Amino acid sequence: MIPDKCSFCKGKLVKGKTEFVVKANDEMLVIKDVSALVCSECGEAYYSPDESGKIDKIMKKFHKSYCSR
């Protein structure tokens, strides 16, 4: 089921693009232009299962390269 309201502030969710940012110790990974439903009030992002899968693949590569140092 696709949500229509933010679970944090109850704001309206609209289709948009966002950045996914994660920090591991002193390394930071930023994935730009990720499709998501974005809350028009607080900016919280909700990713589709497809987008989440893409993020997971990138995170695995990031983790693998980070841990092999």
PDB file of N, CA and C in Angstrom:
ATOM      1  N   MET A   1       0.837  -1.184   0.000  1.00  0.00           N
ATOM      2  CA  MET A   1       0.000   0.000   0.000  1.00  0.00           C
ATOM      3  C   MET A   1       0.881   1.246   0.000  1.00  0.00           C
ATOM      4  N   ILE A   2       0.570   2.177  -0.849  1.00  0.00           N
ATOM      5  CA  ILE A   2       1.337   3.415  -0.956  1.00  0.00           C
ATOM      6  C   ILE A   2       0.783   4.418   0.061  1.00  0.00           C
ATOM      7  N   PRO A   3       1.648   4.936   0.943  1.00  0.00           N
ATOM      8  CA  PRO A   3       1.159   5.909   1.936  1.00  0.00           C
ATOM      9  C   PRO A   3       0.804   7.235   1.274  1.00  0.00           C
ATOM     10  N   ASP A   4      -0.137   7.955   1.888  1.00  0.00           N
ATOM     11  CA  ASP A   4      -0.482   9.276   1.360  1.00  0.00           C
ATOM     12  C   ASP A   4      -0.206  10.385   2.368  1.00  0.00           C
ATOM     13  N   LYS A   5       0.097   9.985   3.617  1.00  0.00           N
ATOM     14  CA  LYS A   5       0.421  10.957   4.655  1.00  0.00           C
ATOM     15  C   LYS A   5       1.694  10.538   5.388  1.00  0.00           C
ATOM     16  N   CYS A   6       2.454  11.515   5.803  1.00  0.00           N
ATOM     17  CA  CYS A   6       3.685  11.279   6.555  1.00  0.00           C
ATOM     18  C   CYS A   6       3.355  10.665   7.913  1.00  0.00           C
ATOM     19  N   SER A   7       4.069   9.632   8.284  1.00  0.00           N
ATOM     20  CA  SER A   7       3.826   8.993   9.577  1.00  0.00           C
ATOM     21  C   SER A   7       4.359   9.822  10.748  1.00  0.00           C
ATOM     22  N   PHE A   8       5.197  10.817  10.474  1.00  0.00           N
ATOM     23  CA  PHE A   8       5.750  11.659  11.528  1.00  0.00           C
ATOM     24  C   PHE A   8       4.890  12.885  11.807  1.00  0.00           C
ATOM     25  N   CYS A   9       4.545  13.626  10.745  1.00  0.00           N
ATOM     26  CA  CYS A   9       3.837  14.900  10.957  1.00  0.00           C
ATOM     27  C   CYS A   9       2.460  14.939  10.301  1.00  0.00           C
ATOM     28  N   LYS A  10       2.101  13.872   9.601  1.00  0.00           N
ATOM     29  CA  LYS A  10       0.810  13.764   8.896  1.00  0.00           C
ATOM     30  C   LYS A  10       0.695  14.699   7.699  1.00  0.00           C
ATOM     31  N   GLY A  11       1.836  15.239   7.218  1.00  0.00           N
ATOM     32  CA  GLY A  11       1.834  16.079   6.028  1.00  0.00           C
ATOM     33  C   GLY A  11       1.556  15.261   4.781  1.00  0.00           C
ATOM     34  N   LYS A  12       1.241  15.933   3.696  1.00  0.00           N
ATOM     35  CA  LYS A  12       0.926  15.281   2.421  1.00  0.00           C
ATOM     36  C   LYS A  12       2.211  14.820   1.735  1.00  0.00           C
ATOM     37  N   LEU A  13       2.176  13.601   1.183  1.00  0.00           N
ATOM     38  CA  LEU A  13       3.312  13.069   0.443  1.00  0.00           C
ATOM     39  C   LEU A  13       3.133  13.348  -1.039  1.00  0.00           C
ATOM     40  N   VAL A  14       4.194  13.847  -1.663  1.00  0.00           N
ATOM     41  CA  VAL A  14       4.179  14.154  -3.093  1.00  0.00           C
ATOM     42  C   VAL A  14       5.375  13.485  -3.761  1.00  0.00           C
ATOM     43  N   LYS A  15       5.206  13.120  -5.034  1.00  0.00           N
ATOM     44  CA  LYS A  15       6.320  12.531  -5.782  1.00  0.00           C
ATOM     45  C   LYS A  15       7.414  13.568  -5.955  1.00  0.00           C
ATOM     46  N   GLY A  16       8.647  13.131  -5.761  1.00  0.00           N
ATOM     47  CA  GLY A  16       9.763  14.048  -5.916  1.00  0.00           C
ATOM     48  C   GLY A  16      11.083  13.324  -5.931  1.00  0.00           C
ATOM     49  N   LYS A  17      12.139  14.089  -5.777  1.00  0.00           N
ATOM     50  CA  LYS A  17      13.508  13.573  -5.727  1.00  0.00           C
ATOM     51  C   LYS A  17      14.122  14.022  -4.409  1.00  0.00           C
ATOM     52  N   THR A  18      15.014  13.211  -3.902  1.00  0.00           N
ATOM     53  CA  THR A  18      15.678  13.536  -2.650  1.00  0.00           C
ATOM     54  C   THR A  18      17.105  12.997  -2.684  1.00  0.00           C
ATOM     55  N   GLU A  19      17.842  13.268  -1.638  1.00  0.00           N
ATOM     56  CA  GLU A  19      19.185  12.700  -1.472  1.00  0.00           C
ATOM     57  C   GLU A  19      19.137  11.685  -0.345  1.00  0.00           C
ATOM     58  N   PHE A  20      19.839  10.573  -0.542  1.00  0.00           N
ATOM     59  CA  PHE A  20      19.995   9.572   0.503  1.00  0.00           C
ATOM     60  C   PHE A  20      21.408   9.741   1.034  1.00  0.00           C
ATOM     61  N   VAL A  21      21.533  10.026   2.315  1.00  0.00           N
ATOM     62  CA  VAL A  21      22.842  10.306   2.920  1.00  0.00           C
ATOM     63  C   VAL A  21      23.083   9.330   4.070  1.00  0.00           C
ATOM     64  N   VAL A  22      24.269   8.739   4.090  1.00  0.00           N
ATOM     65  CA  VAL A  22      24.653   7.857   5.188  1.00  0.00           C
ATOM     66  C   VAL A  22      26.104   8.139   5.547  1.00  0.00           C
ATOM     67  N   LYS A  23      26.400   8.069   6.845  1.00  0.00           N
ATOM     68  CA  LYS A  23      27.759   8.297   7.324  1.00  0.00           C
ATOM     69  C   LYS A  23      28.228   7.064   8.077  1.00  0.00           C
ATOM     70  N   ALA A  24      29.430   6.601   7.743  1.00  0.00           N
ATOM     71  CA  ALA A  24      30.052   5.471   8.424  1.00  0.00           C
ATOM     72  C   ALA A  24      31.410   5.938   8.919  1.00  0.00           C
ATOM     73  N   ASN A  25      31.522   6.088  10.212  1.00  0.00           N
ATOM     74  CA  ASN A  25      32.717   6.641  10.842  1.00  0.00           C
ATOM     75  C   ASN A  25      33.038   7.996  10.218  1.00  0.00           C
ATOM     76  N   ASP A  26      34.139   8.112   9.485  1.00  0.00           N
ATOM     77  CA  ASP A  26      34.481   9.406   8.891  1.00  0.00           C
ATOM     78  C   ASP A  26      34.207   9.452   7.391  1.00  0.00           C
ATOM     79  N   GLU A  27      33.524   8.450   6.857  1.00  0.00           N
ATOM     80  CA  GLU A  27      33.163   8.405   5.437  1.00  0.00           C
ATOM     81  C   GLU A  27      31.683   8.737   5.269  1.00  0.00           C
ATOM     82  N   MET A  28      31.367   9.440   4.185  1.00  0.00           N
ATOM     83  CA  MET A  28      29.982   9.788   3.905  1.00  0.00           C
ATOM     84  C   MET A  28      29.640   9.389   2.478  1.00  0.00           C
ATOM     85  N   LEU A  29      28.453   8.816   2.309  1.00  0.00           N
ATOM     86  CA  LEU A  29      27.949   8.444   0.998  1.00  0.00           C
ATOM     87  C   LEU A  29      26.685   9.244   0.737  1.00  0.00           C
ATOM     88  N   VAL A  30      26.621   9.897  -0.421  1.00  0.00           N
ATOM     89  CA  VAL A  30      25.441  10.662  -0.819  1.00  0.00           C
ATOM     90  C   VAL A  30      24.972  10.132  -2.160  1.00  0.00           C
ATOM     91  N   ILE A  31      23.718   9.710  -2.225  1.00  0.00           N
ATOM     92  CA  ILE A  31      23.104   9.280  -3.475  1.00  0.00           C
ATOM     93  C   ILE A  31      22.103  10.371  -3.837  1.00  0.00           C
ATOM     94  N   LYS A  32      22.343  11.033  -4.959  1.00  0.00           N
ATOM     95  CA  LYS A  32      21.502  12.164  -5.362  1.00  0.00           C
ATOM     96  C   LYS A  32      20.385  11.716  -6.296  1.00  0.00           C
ATOM     97  N   ASP A  33      19.345  12.540  -6.355  1.00  0.00           N
ATOM     98  CA  ASP A  33      18.215  12.352  -7.274  1.00  0.00           C
ATOM     99  C   ASP A  33      17.535  11.002  -7.132  1.00  0.00           C
ATOM    100  N   VAL A  34      17.256  10.609  -5.898  1.00  0.00           N
ATOM    101  CA  VAL A  34      16.544   9.361  -5.633  1.00  0.00           C
ATOM    102  C   VAL A  34      15.045   9.655  -5.668  1.00  0.00           C
ATOM    103  N   SER A  35      14.304   8.914  -6.483  1.00  0.00           N
ATOM    104  CA  SER A  35      12.853   9.084  -6.539  1.00  0.00           C
ATOM    105  C   SER A  35      12.231   8.627  -5.224  1.00  0.00           C
ATOM    106  N   ALA A  36      11.293   9.415  -4.740  1.00  0.00           N
ATOM    107  CA  ALA A  36      10.648   9.094  -3.471  1.00  0.00           C
ATOM    108  C   ALA A  36       9.347   9.869  -3.342  1.00  0.00           C
ATOM    109  N   LEU A  37       8.547   9.457  -2.380  1.00  0.00           N
ATOM    110  CA  LEU A  37       7.436  10.279  -1.944  1.00  0.00           C
ATOM    111  C   LEU A  37       8.010  11.131  -0.814  1.00  0.00           C
ATOM    112  N   VAL A  38       7.879  12.439  -0.931  1.00  0.00           N
ATOM    113  CA  VAL A  38       8.501  13.360   0.016  1.00  0.00           C
ATOM    114  C   VAL A  38       7.407  14.152   0.720  1.00  0.00           C
ATOM    115  N   CYS A  39       7.499  14.248   2.039  1.00  0.00           N
ATOM    116  CA  CYS A  39       6.519  14.999   2.815  1.00  0.00           C
ATOM    117  C   CYS A  39       6.651  16.488   2.513  1.00  0.00           C
ATOM    118  N   SER A  40       5.538  17.106   2.181  1.00  0.00           N
ATOM    119  CA  SER A  40       5.544  18.534   1.850  1.00  0.00           C
ATOM    120  C   SER A  40       5.735  19.410   3.091  1.00  0.00           C
ATOM    121  N   GLU A  41       5.595  18.819   4.281  1.00  0.00           N
ATOM    122  CA  GLU A  41       5.752  19.585   5.527  1.00  0.00           C
ATOM    123  C   GLU A  41       7.150  19.441   6.133  1.00  0.00           C
ATOM    124  N   CYS A  42       7.585  18.200   6.360  1.00  0.00           N
ATOM    125  CA  CYS A  42       8.854  17.986   7.081  1.00  0.00           C
ATOM    126  C   CYS A  42       9.987  17.464   6.199  1.00  0.00           C
ATOM    127  N   GLY A  43       9.687  17.034   4.966  1.00  0.00           N
ATOM    128  CA  GLY A  43      10.733  16.572   4.060  1.00  0.00           C
ATOM    129  C   GLY A  43      11.113  15.115   4.197  1.00  0.00           C
ATOM    130  N   GLU A  44      10.451  14.371   5.090  1.00  0.00           N
ATOM    131  CA  GLU A  44      10.740  12.941   5.243  1.00  0.00           C
ATOM    132  C   GLU A  44      10.500  12.234   3.912  1.00  0.00           C
ATOM    133  N   ALA A  45      11.389  11.302   3.550  1.00  0.00           N
ATOM    134  CA  ALA A  45      11.292  10.594   2.270  1.00  0.00           C
ATOM    135  C   ALA A  45      10.836   9.160   2.488  1.00  0.00           C
ATOM    136  N   TYR A  46       9.983   8.699   1.581  1.00  0.00           N
ATOM    137  CA  TYR A  46       9.480   7.329   1.579  1.00  0.00           C
ATOM    138  C   TYR A  46       9.846   6.723   0.232  1.00  0.00           C
ATOM    139  N   TYR A  47      10.611   5.620   0.265  1.00  0.00           N
ATOM    140  CA  TYR A  47      11.123   5.007  -0.953  1.00  0.00           C
ATOM    141  C   TYR A  47      10.281   3.799  -1.341  1.00  0.00           C
ATOM    142  N   SER A  48      10.121   3.608  -2.641  1.00  0.00           N
ATOM    143  CA  SER A  48       9.425   2.425  -3.145  1.00  0.00           C
ATOM    144  C   SER A  48      10.329   1.213  -2.924  1.00  0.00           C
ATOM    145  N   PRO A  49       9.762   0.009  -2.978  1.00  0.00           N
ATOM    146  CA  PRO A  49      10.604  -1.182  -2.860  1.00  0.00           C
ATOM    147  C   PRO A  49      11.701  -1.232  -3.930  1.00  0.00           C
ATOM    148  N   ASP A  50      11.387  -0.779  -5.135  1.00  0.00           N
ATOM    149  CA  ASP A  50      12.381  -0.760  -6.215  1.00  0.00           C
ATOM    150  C   ASP A  50      13.533   0.188  -5.885  1.00  0.00           C
ATOM    151  N   GLU A  51      13.222   1.394  -5.439  1.00  0.00           N
ATOM    152  CA  GLU A  51      14.263   2.364  -5.069  1.00  0.00           C
ATOM    153  C   GLU A  51      15.059   1.865  -3.869  1.00  0.00           C
ATOM    154  N   SER A  52      14.387   1.259  -2.908  1.00  0.00           N
ATOM    155  CA  SER A  52      15.085   0.708  -1.738  1.00  0.00           C
ATOM    156  C   SER A  52      16.082  -0.363  -2.152  1.00  0.00           C
ATOM    157  N   GLY A  53      15.694  -1.191  -3.125  1.00  0.00           N
ATOM    158  CA  GLY A  53      16.600  -2.219  -3.634  1.00  0.00           C
ATOM    159  C   GLY A  53      17.830  -1.628  -4.287  1.00  0.00           C
ATOM    160  N   LYS A  54      17.630  -0.552  -5.047  1.00  0.00           N
ATOM    161  CA  LYS A  54      18.763   0.131  -5.676  1.00  0.00           C
ATOM    162  C   LYS A  54      19.695   0.716  -4.619  1.00  0.00           C
ATOM    163  N   ILE A  55      19.122   1.324  -3.595  1.00  0.00           N
ATOM    164  CA  ILE A  55      19.915   1.891  -2.500  1.00  0.00           C
ATOM    165  C   ILE A  55      20.701   0.784  -1.802  1.00  0.00           C
ATOM    166  N   ASP A  56      20.037  -0.351  -1.541  1.00  0.00           N
ATOM    167  CA  ASP A  56      20.707  -1.481  -0.889  1.00  0.00           C
ATOM    168  C   ASP A  56      21.916  -1.960  -1.683  1.00  0.00           C
ATOM    169  N   LYS A  57      21.789  -2.047  -3.013  1.00  0.00           N
ATOM    170  CA  LYS A  57      22.915  -2.488  -3.849  1.00  0.00           C
ATOM    171  C   LYS A  57      24.087  -1.522  -3.743  1.00  0.00           C
ATOM    172  N   ILE A  58      23.784  -0.233  -3.781  1.00  0.00           N
ATOM    173  CA  ILE A  58      24.844   0.781  -3.666  1.00  0.00           C
ATOM    174  C   ILE A  58      25.486   0.719  -2.286  1.00  0.00           C
ATOM    175  N   MET A  59      24.662   0.544  -1.252  1.00  0.00           N
ATOM    176  CA  MET A  59      25.179   0.463   0.120  1.00  0.00           C
ATOM    177  C   MET A  59      26.104  -0.750   0.291  1.00  0.00           C
ATOM    178  N   LYS A  60      25.742  -1.871  -0.311  1.00  0.00           N
ATOM    179  CA  LYS A  60      26.590  -3.069  -0.223  1.00  0.00           C
ATOM    180  C   LYS A  60      27.946  -2.816  -0.857  1.00  0.00           C
ATOM    181  N   LYS A  61      27.956  -2.162  -2.033  1.00  0.00           N
ATOM    182  CA  LYS A  61      29.226  -1.829  -2.691  1.00  0.00           C
ATOM    183  C   LYS A  61      30.039  -0.867  -1.836  1.00  0.00           C
ATOM    184  N   PHE A  62      29.370   0.120  -1.258  1.00  0.00           N
ATOM    185  CA  PHE A  62      30.040   1.095  -0.393  1.00  0.00           C
ATOM    186  C   PHE A  62      30.634   0.387   0.822  1.00  0.00           C
ATOM    187  N   HIS A  63      29.843  -0.458   1.457  1.00  0.00           N
ATOM    188  CA  HIS A  63      30.302  -1.175   2.644  1.00  0.00           C
ATOM    189  C   HIS A  63      31.488  -2.085   2.309  1.00  0.00           C
ATOM    190  N   LYS A  64      31.389  -2.775   1.170  1.00  0.00           N
ATOM    191  CA  LYS A  64      32.469  -3.682   0.749  1.00  0.00           C
ATOM    192  C   LYS A  64      33.760  -2.903   0.507  1.00  0.00           C
ATOM    193  N   SER A  65      33.678  -1.771  -0.178  1.00  0.00           N
ATOM    194  CA  SER A  65      34.886  -0.999  -0.449  1.00  0.00           C
ATOM    195  C   SER A  65      35.414  -0.340   0.816  1.00  0.00           C
ATOM    196  N   TYR A  66      34.527   0.062   1.707  1.00  0.00           N
ATOM    197  CA  TYR A  66      34.938   0.709   2.955  1.00  0.00           C
ATOM    198  C   TYR A  66      35.638  -0.301   3.866  1.00  0.00           C
ATOM    199  N   CYS A  67      35.102  -1.496   3.943  1.00  0.00           N
ATOM    200  CA  CYS A  67      35.676  -2.518   4.845  1.00  0.00           C
ATOM    201  C   CYS A  67      36.957  -3.134   4.303  1.00  0.00           C
ATOM    202  N   SER A  68      37.230  -2.986   3.005  1.00  0.00           N
ATOM    203  CA  SER A  68      38.434  -3.601   2.431  1.00  0.00           C
ATOM    204  C   SER A  68      39.650  -2.679   2.535  1.00  0.00           C
ATOM    205  N   ARG A  69      39.506  -1.560   3.189  1.00  0.00           N
ATOM    206  CA  ARG A  69      40.635  -0.624   3.332  1.00  0.00           C
ATOM    207  C   ARG A  69      41.596  -1.066   4.391  1.00  0.00           C
TER     208      ARG A  69
END
